[in-house]
Amino acid sequence: MSEEELPEARFEHLVMQLYTQAAIALGEMPSPVDGATEISLPRARFSIDLLGILEAKTRGTLEESESEMLTQALQHLRMAWVRRSHDGA
């Protein structure tokens, strides 16, 4: 994708970027770089924590759809992190 083809920067893109980073670190998605799947709980936790900061700092200022997306992303990732951490990853 060239610079001319880049989409408009939107809140949803930021959430999805951080979500994807966490999902890759949790082993839920393969790496787009090499296709490998590996688990790194510290990297996953970092992305989840960044989303949590974003949620706290934007509380009450988001559109309903943005707030729902962020809430759902965090709920999914937090549950996945707990599952992985109990799996002994």
PDB file of N, CA and C in Angstrom:
ATOM      1  N   MET A   1       0.851  -1.170   0.000  1.00  0.00           N
ATOM      2  CA  MET A   1       0.000   0.000   0.000  1.00  0.00           C
ATOM      3  C   MET A   1       0.900   1.239   0.000  1.00  0.00           C
ATOM      4  N   SER A   2       0.704   2.110  -0.944  1.00  0.00           N
ATOM      5  CA  SER A   2       1.517   3.318  -1.005  1.00  0.00           C
ATOM      6  C   SER A   2       0.959   4.374  -0.067  1.00  0.00           C
ATOM      7  N   GLU A   3       1.751   5.418   0.163  1.00  0.00           N
ATOM      8  CA  GLU A   3       1.297   6.486   1.060  1.00  0.00           C
ATOM      9  C   GLU A   3       0.008   7.115   0.560  1.00  0.00           C
ATOM     10  N   GLU A   4      -0.166   7.193  -0.752  1.00  0.00           N
ATOM     11  CA  GLU A   4      -1.381   7.777  -1.307  1.00  0.00           C
ATOM     12  C   GLU A   4      -2.606   6.919  -1.012  1.00  0.00           C
ATOM     13  N   GLU A   5      -2.394   5.628  -0.760  1.00  0.00           N
ATOM     14  CA  GLU A   5      -3.494   4.694  -0.529  1.00  0.00           C
ATOM     15  C   GLU A   5      -3.805   4.476   0.950  1.00  0.00           C
ATOM     16  N   LEU A   6      -3.067   5.098   1.828  1.00  0.00           N
ATOM     17  CA  LEU A   6      -3.298   4.893   3.258  1.00  0.00           C
ATOM     18  C   LEU A   6      -4.672   5.420   3.651  1.00  0.00           C
ATOM     19  N   PRO A   7      -5.362   4.679   4.509  1.00  0.00           N
ATOM     20  CA  PRO A   7      -6.678   5.147   4.952  1.00  0.00           C
ATOM     21  C   PRO A   7      -6.533   6.336   5.900  1.00  0.00           C
ATOM     22  N   GLU A   8      -7.632   7.009   6.115  1.00  0.00           N
ATOM     23  CA  GLU A   8      -7.660   8.106   7.081  1.00  0.00           C
ATOM     24  C   GLU A   8      -7.364   7.535   8.475  1.00  0.00           C
ATOM     25  N   ALA A   9      -6.548   8.244   9.238  1.00  0.00           N
ATOM     26  CA  ALA A   9      -6.251   7.813  10.604  1.00  0.00           C
ATOM     27  C   ALA A   9      -7.510   7.954  11.446  1.00  0.00           C
ATOM     28  N   ARG A  10      -7.921   6.846  12.051  1.00  0.00           N
ATOM     29  CA  ARG A  10      -9.135   6.845  12.863  1.00  0.00           C
ATOM     30  C   ARG A  10      -8.875   6.091  14.163  1.00  0.00           C
ATOM     31  N   PHE A  11      -9.694   6.365  15.147  1.00  0.00           N
ATOM     32  CA  PHE A  11      -9.582   5.715  16.451  1.00  0.00           C
ATOM     33  C   PHE A  11      -9.648   4.197  16.303  1.00  0.00           C
ATOM     34  N   GLU A  12     -10.540   3.717  15.447  1.00  0.00           N
ATOM     35  CA  GLU A  12     -10.705   2.285  15.253  1.00  0.00           C
ATOM     36  C   GLU A  12      -9.407   1.634  14.764  1.00  0.00           C
ATOM     37  N   HIS A  13      -8.665   2.337  13.925  1.00  0.00           N
ATOM     38  CA  HIS A  13      -7.404   1.794  13.424  1.00  0.00           C
ATOM     39  C   HIS A  13      -6.386   1.638  14.555  1.00  0.00           C
ATOM     40  N   LEU A  14      -6.359   2.591  15.451  1.00  0.00           N
ATOM     41  CA  LEU A  14      -5.444   2.511  16.592  1.00  0.00           C
ATOM     42  C   LEU A  14      -5.794   1.316  17.474  1.00  0.00           C
ATOM     43  N   VAL A  15      -7.075   1.154  17.765  1.00  0.00           N
ATOM     44  CA  VAL A  15      -7.518   0.020  18.591  1.00  0.00           C
ATOM     45  C   VAL A  15      -7.171  -1.294  17.898  1.00  0.00           C
ATOM     46  N   MET A  16      -7.444  -1.387  16.609  1.00  0.00           N
ATOM     47  CA  MET A  16      -7.175  -2.627  15.884  1.00  0.00           C
ATOM     48  C   MET A  16      -5.676  -2.921  15.803  1.00  0.00           C
ATOM     49  N   GLN A  17      -4.856  -1.894  15.682  1.00  0.00           N
ATOM     50  CA  GLN A  17      -3.408  -2.106  15.639  1.00  0.00           C
ATOM     51  C   GLN A  17      -2.920  -2.706  16.960  1.00  0.00           C
ATOM     52  N   LEU A  18      -3.351  -2.127  18.071  1.00  0.00           N
ATOM     53  CA  LEU A  18      -2.944  -2.638  19.379  1.00  0.00           C
ATOM     54  C   LEU A  18      -3.554  -4.013  19.655  1.00  0.00           C
ATOM     55  N   TYR A  19      -4.792  -4.204  19.227  1.00  0.00           N
ATOM     56  CA  TYR A  19      -5.452  -5.502  19.386  1.00  0.00           C
ATOM     57  C   TYR A  19      -4.672  -6.580  18.631  1.00  0.00           C
ATOM     58  N   THR A  20      -4.306  -6.277  17.395  1.00  0.00           N
ATOM     59  CA  THR A  20      -3.583  -7.239  16.573  1.00  0.00           C
ATOM     60  C   THR A  20      -2.232  -7.582  17.179  1.00  0.00           C
ATOM     61  N   GLN A  21      -1.526  -6.582  17.696  1.00  0.00           N
ATOM     62  CA  GLN A  21      -0.243  -6.839  18.343  1.00  0.00           C
ATOM     63  C   GLN A  21      -0.417  -7.783  19.529  1.00  0.00           C
ATOM     64  N   ALA A  22      -1.443  -7.545  20.329  1.00  0.00           N
ATOM     65  CA  ALA A  22      -1.695  -8.406  21.487  1.00  0.00           C
ATOM     66  C   ALA A  22      -2.095  -9.807  21.040  1.00  0.00           C
ATOM     67  N   ALA A  23      -2.958  -9.910  20.039  1.00  0.00           N
ATOM     68  CA  ALA A  23      -3.409 -11.220  19.560  1.00  0.00           C
ATOM     69  C   ALA A  23      -2.235 -12.029  19.013  1.00  0.00           C
ATOM     70  N   ILE A  24      -1.323 -11.384  18.308  1.00  0.00           N
ATOM     71  CA  ILE A  24      -0.133 -12.075  17.804  1.00  0.00           C
ATOM     72  C   ILE A  24       0.726 -12.554  18.975  1.00  0.00           C
ATOM     73  N   ALA A  25       0.904 -11.697  19.976  1.00  0.00           N
ATOM     74  CA  ALA A  25       1.718 -12.060  21.140  1.00  0.00           C
ATOM     75  C   ALA A  25       1.064 -13.169  21.972  1.00  0.00           C
ATOM     76  N   LEU A  26      -0.242 -13.297  21.877  1.00  0.00           N
ATOM     77  CA  LEU A  26      -0.952 -14.363  22.591  1.00  0.00           C
ATOM     78  C   LEU A  26      -1.007 -15.650  21.781  1.00  0.00           C
ATOM     79  N   GLY A  27      -0.457 -15.621  20.577  1.00  0.00           N
ATOM     80  CA  GLY A  27      -0.470 -16.804  19.729  1.00  0.00           C
ATOM     81  C   GLY A  27      -1.792 -17.053  19.044  1.00  0.00           C
ATOM     82  N   GLU A  28      -2.684 -16.058  19.039  1.00  0.00           N
ATOM     83  CA  GLU A  28      -3.986 -16.210  18.402  1.00  0.00           C
ATOM     84  C   GLU A  28      -3.938 -15.934  16.906  1.00  0.00           C
ATOM     85  N   MET A  29      -2.876 -15.282  16.477  1.00  0.00           N
ATOM     86  CA  MET A  29      -2.692 -14.957  15.062  1.00  0.00           C
ATOM     87  C   MET A  29      -1.223 -15.178  14.721  1.00  0.00           C
ATOM     88  N   PRO A  30      -0.952 -15.598  13.494  1.00  0.00           N
ATOM     89  CA  PRO A  30       0.454 -15.722  13.100  1.00  0.00           C
ATOM     90  C   PRO A  30       1.052 -14.337  12.852  1.00  0.00           C
ATOM     91  N   SER A  31       2.343 -14.250  12.973  1.00  0.00           N
ATOM     92  CA  SER A  31       3.052 -13.005  12.685  1.00  0.00           C
ATOM     93  C   SER A  31       2.910 -12.679  11.205  1.00  0.00           C
ATOM     94  N   PRO A  32       2.582 -11.435  10.864  1.00  0.00           N
ATOM     95  CA  PRO A  32       2.501 -11.073   9.449  1.00  0.00           C
ATOM     96  C   PRO A  32       3.876 -11.020   8.784  1.00  0.00           C
ATOM     97  N   VAL A  33       4.932 -11.007   9.581  1.00  0.00           N
ATOM     98  CA  VAL A  33       6.290 -10.930   9.050  1.00  0.00           C
ATOM     99  C   VAL A  33       6.761 -12.287   8.541  1.00  0.00           C
ATOM    100  N   ASP A  34       6.636 -13.316   9.390  1.00  0.00           N
ATOM    101  CA  ASP A  34       7.173 -14.621   9.008  1.00  0.00           C
ATOM    102  C   ASP A  34       6.160 -15.765   9.110  1.00  0.00           C
ATOM    103  N   GLY A  35       4.936 -15.460   9.498  1.00  0.00           N
ATOM    104  CA  GLY A  35       3.903 -16.484   9.605  1.00  0.00           C
ATOM    105  C   GLY A  35       4.015 -17.370  10.825  1.00  0.00           C
ATOM    106  N   ALA A  36       5.028 -17.124  11.662  1.00  0.00           N
ATOM    107  CA  ALA A  36       5.216 -17.937  12.857  1.00  0.00           C
ATOM    108  C   ALA A  36       4.192 -17.567  13.928  1.00  0.00           C
ATOM    109  N   THR A  37       3.867 -18.545  14.738  1.00  0.00           N
ATOM    110  CA  THR A  37       2.979 -18.311  15.876  1.00  0.00           C
ATOM    111  C   THR A  37       3.777 -18.582  17.135  1.00  0.00           C
ATOM    112  N   GLU A  38       3.917 -17.564  17.963  1.00  0.00           N
ATOM    113  CA  GLU A  38       4.604 -17.757  19.239  1.00  0.00           C
ATOM    114  C   GLU A  38       3.916 -16.908  20.294  1.00  0.00           C
ATOM    115  N   ILE A  39       4.120 -17.302  21.531  1.00  0.00           N
ATOM    116  CA  ILE A  39       3.454 -16.627  22.643  1.00  0.00           C
ATOM    117  C   ILE A  39       4.477 -15.842  23.452  1.00  0.00           C
ATOM    118  N   SER A  40       4.133 -14.585  23.701  1.00  0.00           N
ATOM    119  CA  SER A  40       4.941 -13.729  24.573  1.00  0.00           C
ATOM    120  C   SER A  40       3.975 -12.968  25.474  1.00  0.00           C
ATOM    121  N   LEU A  41       3.771 -13.505  26.665  1.00  0.00           N
ATOM    122  CA  LEU A  41       2.845 -12.861  27.598  1.00  0.00           C
ATOM    123  C   LEU A  41       3.254 -11.433  27.959  1.00  0.00           C
ATOM    124  N   PRO A  42       4.546 -11.137  28.141  1.00  0.00           N
ATOM    125  CA  PRO A  42       4.914  -9.747  28.440  1.00  0.00           C
ATOM    126  C   PRO A  42       4.548  -8.778  27.303  1.00  0.00           C
ATOM    127  N   ARG A  43       4.782  -9.189  26.045  1.00  0.00           N
ATOM    128  CA  ARG A  43       4.418  -8.315  24.924  1.00  0.00           C
ATOM    129  C   ARG A  43       2.901  -8.172  24.830  1.00  0.00           C
ATOM    130  N   ALA A  44       2.182  -9.247  25.065  1.00  0.00           N
ATOM    131  CA  ALA A  44       0.720  -9.182  25.044  1.00  0.00           C
ATOM    132  C   ALA A  44       0.223  -8.246  26.137  1.00  0.00           C
ATOM    133  N   ARG A  45       0.774  -8.390  27.340  1.00  0.00           N
ATOM    134  CA  ARG A  45       0.370  -7.548  28.467  1.00  0.00           C
ATOM    135  C   ARG A  45       0.610  -6.076  28.168  1.00  0.00           C
ATOM    136  N   PHE A  46       1.736  -5.767  27.512  1.00  0.00           N
ATOM    137  CA  PHE A  46       2.054  -4.387  27.167  1.00  0.00           C
ATOM    138  C   PHE A  46       0.986  -3.790  26.251  1.00  0.00           C
ATOM    139  N   SER A  47       0.603  -4.510  25.213  1.00  0.00           N
ATOM    140  CA  SER A  47      -0.420  -4.001  24.290  1.00  0.00           C
ATOM    141  C   SER A  47      -1.777  -3.891  24.976  1.00  0.00           C
ATOM    142  N   ILE A  48      -2.094  -4.861  25.820  1.00  0.00           N
ATOM    143  CA  ILE A  48      -3.356  -4.811  26.568  1.00  0.00           C
ATOM    144  C   ILE A  48      -3.353  -3.618  27.515  1.00  0.00           C
ATOM    145  N   ASP A  49      -2.240  -3.387  28.185  1.00  0.00           N
ATOM    146  CA  ASP A  49      -2.138  -2.237  29.088  1.00  0.00           C
ATOM    147  C   ASP A  49      -2.277  -0.918  28.328  1.00  0.00           C
ATOM    148  N   LEU A  50      -1.699  -0.843  27.126  1.00  0.00           N
ATOM    149  CA  LEU A  50      -1.854   0.374  26.317  1.00  0.00           C
ATOM    150  C   LEU A  50      -3.321   0.611  25.967  1.00  0.00           C
ATOM    151  N   LEU A  51      -4.029  -0.451  25.620  1.00  0.00           N
ATOM    152  CA  LEU A  51      -5.465  -0.310  25.350  1.00  0.00           C
ATOM    153  C   LEU A  51      -6.212   0.121  26.610  1.00  0.00           C
ATOM    154  N   GLY A  52      -5.806  -0.386  27.759  1.00  0.00           N
ATOM    155  CA  GLY A  52      -6.425   0.019  29.016  1.00  0.00           C
ATOM    156  C   GLY A  52      -6.206   1.496  29.314  1.00  0.00           C
ATOM    157  N   ILE A  53      -5.007   1.985  29.033  1.00  0.00           N
ATOM    158  CA  ILE A  53      -4.723   3.418  29.204  1.00  0.00           C
ATOM    159  C   ILE A  53      -5.592   4.229  28.259  1.00  0.00           C
ATOM    160  N   LEU A  54      -5.690   3.767  27.031  1.00  0.00           N
ATOM    161  CA  LEU A  54      -6.523   4.458  26.042  1.00  0.00           C
ATOM    162  C   LEU A  54      -7.972   4.519  26.515  1.00  0.00           C
ATOM    163  N   GLU A  55      -8.451   3.422  27.078  1.00  0.00           N
ATOM    164  CA  GLU A  55      -9.820   3.386  27.599  1.00  0.00           C
ATOM    165  C   GLU A  55      -9.994   4.396  28.737  1.00  0.00           C
ATOM    166  N   ALA A  56      -9.059   4.416  29.664  1.00  0.00           N
ATOM    167  CA  ALA A  56      -9.163   5.321  30.809  1.00  0.00           C
ATOM    168  C   ALA A  56      -9.078   6.784  30.389  1.00  0.00           C
ATOM    169  N   LYS A  57      -8.191   7.086  29.476  1.00  0.00           N
ATOM    170  CA  LYS A  57      -7.969   8.483  29.079  1.00  0.00           C
ATOM    171  C   LYS A  57      -9.044   9.026  28.148  1.00  0.00           C
ATOM    172  N   THR A  58      -9.818   8.133  27.510  1.00  0.00           N
ATOM    173  CA  THR A  58     -10.851   8.598  26.583  1.00  0.00           C
ATOM    174  C   THR A  58     -12.262   8.382  27.127  1.00  0.00           C
ATOM    175  N   ARG A  59     -12.360   7.895  28.348  1.00  0.00           N
ATOM    176  CA  ARG A  59     -13.676   7.608  28.939  1.00  0.00           C
ATOM    177  C   ARG A  59     -14.583   8.838  28.864  1.00  0.00           C
ATOM    178  N   GLY A  60     -15.768   8.634  28.310  1.00  0.00           N
ATOM    179  CA  GLY A  60     -16.751   9.708  28.220  1.00  0.00           C
ATOM    180  C   GLY A  60     -16.592  10.598  26.998  1.00  0.00           C
ATOM    181  N   THR A  61     -15.572  10.359  26.191  1.00  0.00           N
ATOM    182  CA  THR A  61     -15.360  11.216  25.021  1.00  0.00           C
ATOM    183  C   THR A  61     -15.532  10.475  23.701  1.00  0.00           C
ATOM    184  N   LEU A  62     -15.717   9.174  23.757  1.00  0.00           N
ATOM    185  CA  LEU A  62     -15.810   8.379  22.541  1.00  0.00           C
ATOM    186  C   LEU A  62     -17.246   8.268  22.045  1.00  0.00           C
ATOM    187  N   GLU A  63     -17.377   8.034  20.752  1.00  0.00           N
ATOM    188  CA  GLU A  63     -18.684   7.684  20.209  1.00  0.00           C
ATOM    189  C   GLU A  63     -19.041   6.303  20.734  1.00  0.00           C
ATOM    190  N   GLU A  64     -20.313   5.982  20.767  1.00  0.00           N
ATOM    191  CA  GLU A  64     -20.747   4.707  21.329  1.00  0.00           C
ATOM    192  C   GLU A  64     -20.085   3.522  20.622  1.00  0.00           C
ATOM    193  N   SER A  65     -19.991   3.557  19.310  1.00  0.00           N
ATOM    194  CA  SER A  65     -19.384   2.449  18.571  1.00  0.00           C
ATOM    195  C   SER A  65     -17.901   2.306  18.905  1.00  0.00           C
ATOM    196  N   GLU A  66     -17.208   3.420  19.097  1.00  0.00           N
ATOM    197  CA  GLU A  66     -15.793   3.382  19.462  1.00  0.00           C
ATOM    198  C   GLU A  66     -15.609   2.789  20.858  1.00  0.00           C
ATOM    199  N   SER A  67     -16.454   3.212  21.774  1.00  0.00           N
ATOM    200  CA  SER A  67     -16.387   2.716  23.146  1.00  0.00           C
ATOM    201  C   SER A  67     -16.671   1.217  23.201  1.00  0.00           C
ATOM    202  N   GLU A  68     -17.674   0.774  22.459  1.00  0.00           N
ATOM    203  CA  GLU A  68     -18.010  -0.651  22.428  1.00  0.00           C
ATOM    204  C   GLU A  68     -16.870  -1.476  21.838  1.00  0.00           C
ATOM    205  N   MET A  69     -16.268  -0.967  20.771  1.00  0.00           N
ATOM    206  CA  MET A  69     -15.161  -1.681  20.139  1.00  0.00           C
ATOM    207  C   MET A  69     -14.001  -1.842  21.113  1.00  0.00           C
ATOM    208  N   LEU A  70     -13.654  -0.770  21.790  1.00  0.00           N
ATOM    209  CA  LEU A  70     -12.547  -0.796  22.744  1.00  0.00           C
ATOM    210  C   LEU A  70     -12.860  -1.733  23.907  1.00  0.00           C
ATOM    211  N   THR A  71     -14.058  -1.658  24.436  1.00  0.00           N
ATOM    212  CA  THR A  71     -14.471  -2.523  25.546  1.00  0.00           C
ATOM    213  C   THR A  71     -14.419  -3.992  25.155  1.00  0.00           C
ATOM    214  N   GLN A  72     -14.953  -4.321  23.986  1.00  0.00           N
ATOM    215  CA  GLN A  72     -14.956  -5.708  23.527  1.00  0.00           C
ATOM    216  C   GLN A  72     -13.540  -6.214  23.273  1.00  0.00           C
ATOM    217  N   ALA A  73     -12.707  -5.374  22.679  1.00  0.00           N
ATOM    218  CA  ALA A  73     -11.324  -5.761  22.418  1.00  0.00           C
ATOM    219  C   ALA A  73     -10.612  -6.071  23.735  1.00  0.00           C
ATOM    220  N   LEU A  74     -10.773  -5.199  24.711  1.00  0.00           N
ATOM    221  CA  LEU A  74     -10.129  -5.413  26.010  1.00  0.00           C
ATOM    222  C   LEU A  74     -10.651  -6.658  26.706  1.00  0.00           C
ATOM    223  N   GLN A  75     -11.957  -6.868  26.681  1.00  0.00           N
ATOM    224  CA  GLN A  75     -12.518  -8.059  27.329  1.00  0.00           C
ATOM    225  C   GLN A  75     -11.960  -9.328  26.702  1.00  0.00           C
ATOM    226  N   HIS A  76     -11.940  -9.368  25.380  1.00  0.00           N
ATOM    227  CA  HIS A  76     -11.429 -10.558  24.693  1.00  0.00           C
ATOM    228  C   HIS A  76      -9.957 -10.788  25.028  1.00  0.00           C
ATOM    229  N   LEU A  77      -9.157  -9.745  24.917  1.00  0.00           N
ATOM    230  CA  LEU A  77      -7.720  -9.895  25.139  1.00  0.00           C
ATOM    231  C   LEU A  77      -7.392 -10.244  26.588  1.00  0.00           C
ATOM    232  N   ARG A  78      -8.101  -9.643  27.519  1.00  0.00           N
ATOM    233  CA  ARG A  78      -7.843  -9.947  28.930  1.00  0.00           C
ATOM    234  C   ARG A  78      -8.173 -11.399  29.252  1.00  0.00           C
ATOM    235  N   MET A  79      -9.283 -11.893  28.705  1.00  0.00           N
ATOM    236  CA  MET A  79      -9.647 -13.296  28.928  1.00  0.00           C
ATOM    237  C   MET A  79      -8.632 -14.222  28.259  1.00  0.00           C
ATOM    238  N   ALA A  80      -8.195 -13.881  27.063  1.00  0.00           N
ATOM    239  CA  ALA A  80      -7.203 -14.696  26.366  1.00  0.00           C
ATOM    240  C   ALA A  80      -5.885 -14.702  27.130  1.00  0.00           C
ATOM    241  N   TRP A  81      -5.506 -13.554  27.695  1.00  0.00           N
ATOM    242  CA  TRP A  81      -4.263 -13.478  28.468  1.00  0.00           C
ATOM    243  C   TRP A  81      -4.345 -14.366  29.713  1.00  0.00           C
ATOM    244  N   VAL A  82      -5.479 -14.331  30.384  1.00  0.00           N
ATOM    245  CA  VAL A  82      -5.663 -15.170  31.573  1.00  0.00           C
ATOM    246  C   VAL A  82      -5.577 -16.647  31.189  1.00  0.00           C
ATOM    247  N   ARG A  83      -6.247 -17.029  30.103  1.00  0.00           N
ATOM    248  CA  ARG A  83      -6.175 -18.426  29.650  1.00  0.00           C
ATOM    249  C   ARG A  83      -4.746 -18.837  29.348  1.00  0.00           C
ATOM    250  N   ARG A  84      -4.024 -18.018  28.609  1.00  0.00           N
ATOM    251  CA  ARG A  84      -2.636 -18.344  28.252  1.00  0.00           C
ATOM    252  C   ARG A  84      -1.746 -18.401  29.494  1.00  0.00           C
ATOM    253  N   SER A  85      -1.947 -17.469  30.413  1.00  0.00           N
ATOM    254  CA  SER A  85      -1.095 -17.460  31.595  1.00  0.00           C
ATOM    255  C   SER A  85      -1.334 -18.696  32.463  1.00  0.00           C
ATOM    256  N   HIS A  86      -2.546 -19.229  32.448  1.00  0.00           N
ATOM    257  CA  HIS A  86      -2.834 -20.454  33.194  1.00  0.00           C
ATOM    258  C   HIS A  86      -2.372 -21.704  32.444  1.00  0.00           C
ATOM    259  N   ASP A  87      -2.183 -21.568  31.141  1.00  0.00           N
ATOM    260  CA  ASP A  87      -1.678 -22.689  30.330  1.00  0.00           C
ATOM    261  C   ASP A  87      -0.187 -22.896  30.543  1.00  0.00           C
ATOM    262  N   GLY A  88       0.452 -21.944  31.213  1.00  0.00           N
ATOM    263  CA  GLY A  88       1.882 -22.060  31.443  1.00  0.00           C
ATOM    264  C   GLY A  88       2.713 -21.615  30.260  1.00  0.00           C
ATOM    265  N   ALA A  89       2.139 -20.747  29.437  1.00  0.00           N
ATOM    266  CA  ALA A  89       2.868 -20.257  28.250  1.00  0.00           C
ATOM    267  C   ALA A  89       4.080 -19.457  28.621  1.00  0.00           C
TER     268      ALA A  89
END
